[in-house]
N, C-alpha and C. Protein backbone atom coordinates (compact mmCIF):
# COMPACT_ATOMS: atom_id res chain seq x y z
N MET A 1 -7.26 43.38 6.50
CA MET A 1 -8.06 42.80 5.42
C MET A 1 -8.01 43.51 4.12
N LEU A 2 -8.50 44.60 4.25
CA LEU A 2 -8.88 45.56 3.26
C LEU A 2 -7.70 45.79 2.77
N ALA A 3 -6.56 45.97 3.49
CA ALA A 3 -5.14 46.24 2.64
C ALA A 3 -4.89 45.12 1.43
N LYS A 4 -5.48 43.94 1.29
CA LYS A 4 -5.18 43.17 0.47
C LYS A 4 -6.07 43.16 -0.71
N ILE A 5 -7.05 43.92 -0.64
CA ILE A 5 -7.97 43.93 -1.61
C ILE A 5 -7.38 44.84 -2.71
N SER A 6 -7.49 44.63 -4.03
CA SER A 6 -6.95 45.62 -5.11
C SER A 6 -8.08 45.71 -5.81
N PRO A 7 -7.96 46.66 -7.07
CA PRO A 7 -9.31 46.89 -8.15
C PRO A 7 -9.34 45.47 -8.79
N ASP A 8 -8.31 44.59 -8.90
CA ASP A 8 -8.31 43.42 -9.43
C ASP A 8 -8.72 42.15 -8.71
N SER A 9 -9.11 42.48 -7.45
CA SER A 9 -9.47 41.49 -6.60
C SER A 9 -10.82 40.82 -7.08
N THR A 10 -11.16 39.65 -6.78
CA THR A 10 -12.52 39.15 -7.05
C THR A 10 -13.09 38.27 -5.85
N MET A 11 -14.26 38.08 -5.88
CA MET A 11 -15.04 37.98 -4.81
C MET A 11 -15.64 36.52 -5.27
N LYS A 12 -15.57 35.54 -4.38
CA LYS A 12 -16.32 34.02 -4.63
C LYS A 12 -17.25 33.74 -3.39
N LEU A 13 -18.80 33.51 -3.79
CA LEU A 13 -19.35 33.19 -2.66
C LEU A 13 -18.97 31.59 -2.17
N LYS A 14 -19.12 31.59 -0.76
CA LYS A 14 -19.02 30.35 -0.07
C LYS A 14 -20.50 29.85 -0.09
N GLY A 15 -21.16 29.74 -0.93
CA GLY A 15 -22.01 29.17 -0.90
C GLY A 15 -22.48 27.61 -0.40
N LYS A 16 -21.66 26.50 -0.75
CA LYS A 16 -21.62 24.99 -0.22
C LYS A 16 -21.28 25.33 1.30
N LYS A 17 -20.35 26.10 1.24
CA LYS A 17 -19.78 26.25 2.89
C LYS A 17 -20.84 26.77 3.69
N LEU A 18 -21.68 27.84 3.59
CA LEU A 18 -22.62 28.25 4.02
C LEU A 18 -23.89 27.35 4.23
N LEU A 19 -24.14 26.52 3.22
CA LEU A 19 -25.36 25.63 3.17
C LEU A 19 -25.06 24.40 4.14
N GLU A 20 -23.65 23.94 4.08
CA GLU A 20 -23.23 22.93 5.10
C GLU A 20 -23.53 23.67 6.69
N GLN A 21 -22.92 24.68 6.99
CA GLN A 21 -23.00 25.27 8.07
C GLN A 21 -24.40 25.41 8.62
N HIS A 22 -25.14 25.89 7.59
CA HIS A 22 -26.70 25.83 8.16
C HIS A 22 -27.45 24.56 8.16
N ASP A 23 -27.21 23.77 7.42
CA ASP A 23 -27.68 22.44 7.43
C ASP A 23 -28.95 22.66 6.11
N LYS A 24 -28.49 23.15 5.30
CA LYS A 24 -29.84 23.48 4.16
C LYS A 24 -29.25 22.96 3.02
N THR A 25 -30.31 22.64 2.08
CA THR A 25 -30.01 22.35 0.82
C THR A 25 -30.17 23.55 -0.04
N MET A 26 -29.72 23.52 -1.36
CA MET A 26 -30.01 24.45 -2.19
C MET A 26 -31.32 24.79 -2.47
N TYR A 27 -32.41 23.73 -2.54
CA TYR A 27 -33.82 23.97 -2.80
C TYR A 27 -34.54 24.67 -1.70
N ARG A 28 -34.09 24.22 -0.30
CA ARG A 28 -34.56 24.91 0.70
C ARG A 28 -34.20 26.31 1.24
N ALA A 29 -33.09 26.58 0.71
CA ALA A 29 -32.49 28.02 0.94
C ALA A 29 -33.02 28.80 0.16
N ALA A 30 -33.39 28.57 -1.23
CA ALA A 30 -34.09 29.03 -2.44
C ALA A 30 -35.43 29.51 -1.93
N LYS A 31 -36.12 28.24 -1.58
CA LYS A 31 -37.49 28.38 -1.19
C LYS A 31 -37.76 29.34 -0.17
N ASP A 32 -36.94 29.19 1.05
CA ASP A 32 -37.07 29.89 2.35
C ASP A 32 -36.75 31.41 2.07
N GLY A 33 -35.73 31.61 1.05
CA GLY A 33 -35.41 33.07 0.65
C GLY A 33 -36.03 33.52 -0.38
N ALA A 34 -37.15 33.05 -0.76
CA ALA A 34 -37.80 33.49 -1.89
C ALA A 34 -37.04 34.10 -3.27
N ILE A 35 -36.08 33.17 -3.46
CA ILE A 35 -35.18 33.35 -4.75
C ILE A 35 -35.54 32.49 -5.55
N ALA A 36 -34.66 32.42 -6.92
CA ALA A 36 -34.97 31.59 -7.80
C ALA A 36 -33.85 30.60 -7.66
N TYR A 37 -34.27 29.02 -7.60
CA TYR A 37 -33.31 28.14 -7.55
C TYR A 37 -32.52 28.07 -8.65
N SER A 38 -32.78 28.50 -9.57
CA SER A 38 -31.49 28.52 -10.77
C SER A 38 -30.44 29.53 -10.59
N THR A 39 -30.65 30.41 -10.18
CA THR A 39 -29.68 31.73 -9.63
C THR A 39 -28.85 30.97 -8.61
N LEU A 40 -29.35 30.36 -7.62
CA LEU A 40 -28.65 30.03 -6.60
C LEU A 40 -27.64 28.59 -6.98
N HIS A 41 -28.43 27.78 -7.73
CA HIS A 41 -27.79 26.93 -8.67
C HIS A 41 -26.39 27.39 -9.17
N ARG A 42 -26.54 28.33 -9.85
CA ARG A 42 -25.61 28.91 -10.90
C ARG A 42 -24.49 29.55 -10.10
N TRP A 43 -24.88 30.22 -8.80
CA TRP A 43 -23.92 30.93 -8.09
C TRP A 43 -23.09 29.88 -7.45
N ILE A 44 -23.59 28.83 -7.02
CA ILE A 44 -22.79 27.62 -6.25
C ILE A 44 -22.31 26.75 -6.94
N SER A 45 -22.87 26.20 -8.05
CA SER A 45 -22.07 25.31 -9.05
C SER A 45 -21.26 25.68 -10.05
N ASP A 46 -21.38 27.01 -10.53
CA ASP A 46 -20.67 27.69 -11.38
C ASP A 46 -19.99 28.94 -10.88
N ALA A 47 -19.58 29.09 -9.49
CA ALA A 47 -19.21 30.22 -8.94
C ALA A 47 -18.02 30.81 -9.51
N ASP A 48 -17.04 30.36 -10.66
CA ASP A 48 -15.87 30.88 -10.99
C ASP A 48 -16.37 31.83 -12.39
N ASN A 49 -17.69 31.57 -12.51
CA ASN A 49 -17.94 32.54 -13.71
C ASN A 49 -19.24 33.40 -13.47
N VAL A 50 -19.41 33.69 -12.21
CA VAL A 50 -20.65 34.40 -11.88
C VAL A 50 -19.67 35.92 -11.62
N GLU A 51 -20.20 37.02 -12.50
CA GLU A 51 -19.68 38.07 -12.71
C GLU A 51 -20.24 39.06 -11.61
N HIS A 52 -21.53 39.06 -11.34
CA HIS A 52 -21.96 39.66 -10.39
C HIS A 52 -23.15 39.04 -9.36
N VAL A 53 -23.22 39.64 -8.38
CA VAL A 53 -24.27 39.22 -7.25
C VAL A 53 -25.23 40.33 -7.09
N SER A 54 -26.56 40.11 -7.24
CA SER A 54 -27.62 40.79 -6.71
C SER A 54 -27.84 41.06 -5.33
N LEU A 55 -27.38 42.32 -4.75
CA LEU A 55 -27.64 42.27 -3.37
C LEU A 55 -29.18 41.62 -2.89
N LYS A 56 -30.11 42.10 -3.67
CA LYS A 56 -31.46 41.53 -3.35
C LYS A 56 -31.57 40.25 -2.92
N VAL A 57 -30.87 39.24 -4.29
CA VAL A 57 -30.78 37.78 -4.20
C VAL A 57 -29.70 37.29 -3.05
N LEU A 58 -28.72 38.17 -2.76
CA LEU A 58 -27.87 37.43 -1.84
C LEU A 58 -28.64 37.64 -0.32
N LEU A 59 -29.35 38.68 -0.28
CA LEU A 59 -29.97 38.81 1.17
C LEU A 59 -31.17 37.57 1.34
N GLY A 60 -31.78 37.40 -0.11
CA GLY A 60 -32.72 36.20 0.04
C GLY A 60 -32.18 34.86 0.57
N PHE A 61 -30.94 34.46 0.02
CA PHE A 61 -30.12 33.49 0.28
C PHE A 61 -29.51 33.45 1.42
N LEU A 62 -29.21 34.31 2.15
CA LEU A 62 -28.83 34.58 3.47
C LEU A 62 -30.01 34.65 4.46
N ARG A 63 -30.96 35.07 4.25
CA ARG A 63 -32.35 34.76 4.88
C ARG A 63 -32.91 33.37 4.90
N GLY A 64 -32.68 32.65 3.37
CA GLY A 64 -32.87 31.31 3.14
C GLY A 64 -32.50 30.45 4.25
N LEU A 65 -31.31 30.79 4.64
CA LEU A 65 -30.43 30.09 5.26
C LEU A 65 -30.74 30.19 6.89
N GLY A 66 -31.77 30.95 7.18
CA GLY A 66 -32.35 31.32 8.56
C GLY A 66 -31.70 32.15 9.28
N LEU A 67 -30.58 33.01 8.52
CA LEU A 67 -30.03 34.17 9.29
C LEU A 67 -31.29 35.58 9.52
N SER A 68 -31.32 36.07 10.64
CA SER A 68 -31.83 37.36 10.68
C SER A 68 -31.28 38.59 10.16
N ASP A 69 -32.12 39.39 9.96
CA ASP A 69 -31.72 40.83 9.35
C ASP A 69 -30.56 41.29 9.93
N ALA A 70 -30.54 41.12 11.39
CA ALA A 70 -29.46 41.57 12.33
C ALA A 70 -28.10 41.02 12.28
N GLU A 71 -28.40 39.41 12.24
CA GLU A 71 -27.21 38.60 11.68
C GLU A 71 -26.56 38.90 10.51
N ILE A 72 -27.38 39.01 9.81
CA ILE A 72 -26.85 39.39 8.33
C ILE A 72 -25.82 40.82 8.32
N GLU A 73 -26.48 41.76 8.83
CA GLU A 73 -25.99 42.95 8.96
C GLU A 73 -24.67 42.80 9.70
N SER A 74 -24.18 41.74 10.60
CA SER A 74 -23.35 41.91 11.35
C SER A 74 -22.22 40.87 10.85
N LEU A 75 -22.47 40.09 9.88
CA LEU A 75 -21.87 39.16 9.39
C LEU A 75 -20.45 39.78 8.32
N PRO A 76 -19.36 39.46 8.96
CA PRO A 76 -18.41 39.89 8.10
C PRO A 76 -18.12 39.38 6.65
N LEU A 77 -17.94 40.12 5.70
CA LEU A 77 -17.76 39.84 4.32
C LEU A 77 -17.19 38.48 4.09
N GLY A 78 -15.79 38.41 4.80
CA GLY A 78 -14.93 37.38 4.79
C GLY A 78 -15.80 35.83 5.16
N GLU A 79 -16.76 36.02 5.82
CA GLU A 79 -17.65 34.72 5.96
C GLU A 79 -18.47 34.33 4.80
N VAL A 80 -18.93 35.36 4.00
CA VAL A 80 -19.57 34.94 2.91
C VAL A 80 -19.19 34.91 1.50
N PHE A 81 -17.90 35.74 1.41
CA PHE A 81 -16.98 35.52 -0.01
C PHE A 81 -15.61 35.09 0.45
N ASP A 82 -15.15 34.65 -0.27
CA ASP A 82 -13.48 34.38 -0.48
C ASP A 82 -13.00 35.59 -1.27
N LEU A 83 -12.17 36.20 -0.84
CA LEU A 83 -11.50 37.45 -1.52
C LEU A 83 -10.10 36.77 -2.13
N THR A 84 -9.96 37.14 -3.52
CA THR A 84 -8.70 36.71 -3.83
C THR A 84 -8.21 37.93 -4.56
N ASP A 85 -6.91 37.91 -4.91
CA ASP A 85 -5.96 38.54 -5.84
C ASP A 85 -6.19 38.57 -7.35
């Protein structure tokens, strides 16, 4: 997998897919994860134009989905982001 990643690769959050998998709305994930709804909405609704992702907010999103820190730590990057050339 890492062999396909280049300096020009991009990552896009699989936000909608993760919300569906964990049966959460954007509102509930933002509230439960103590993050701004507007940030999460932008990440999911305008993912092609998101240039950076704050680790603090990403952790809040994943916790808002109901994942424990241990589950987050073992979560493969490919389950959270689409990696493209």
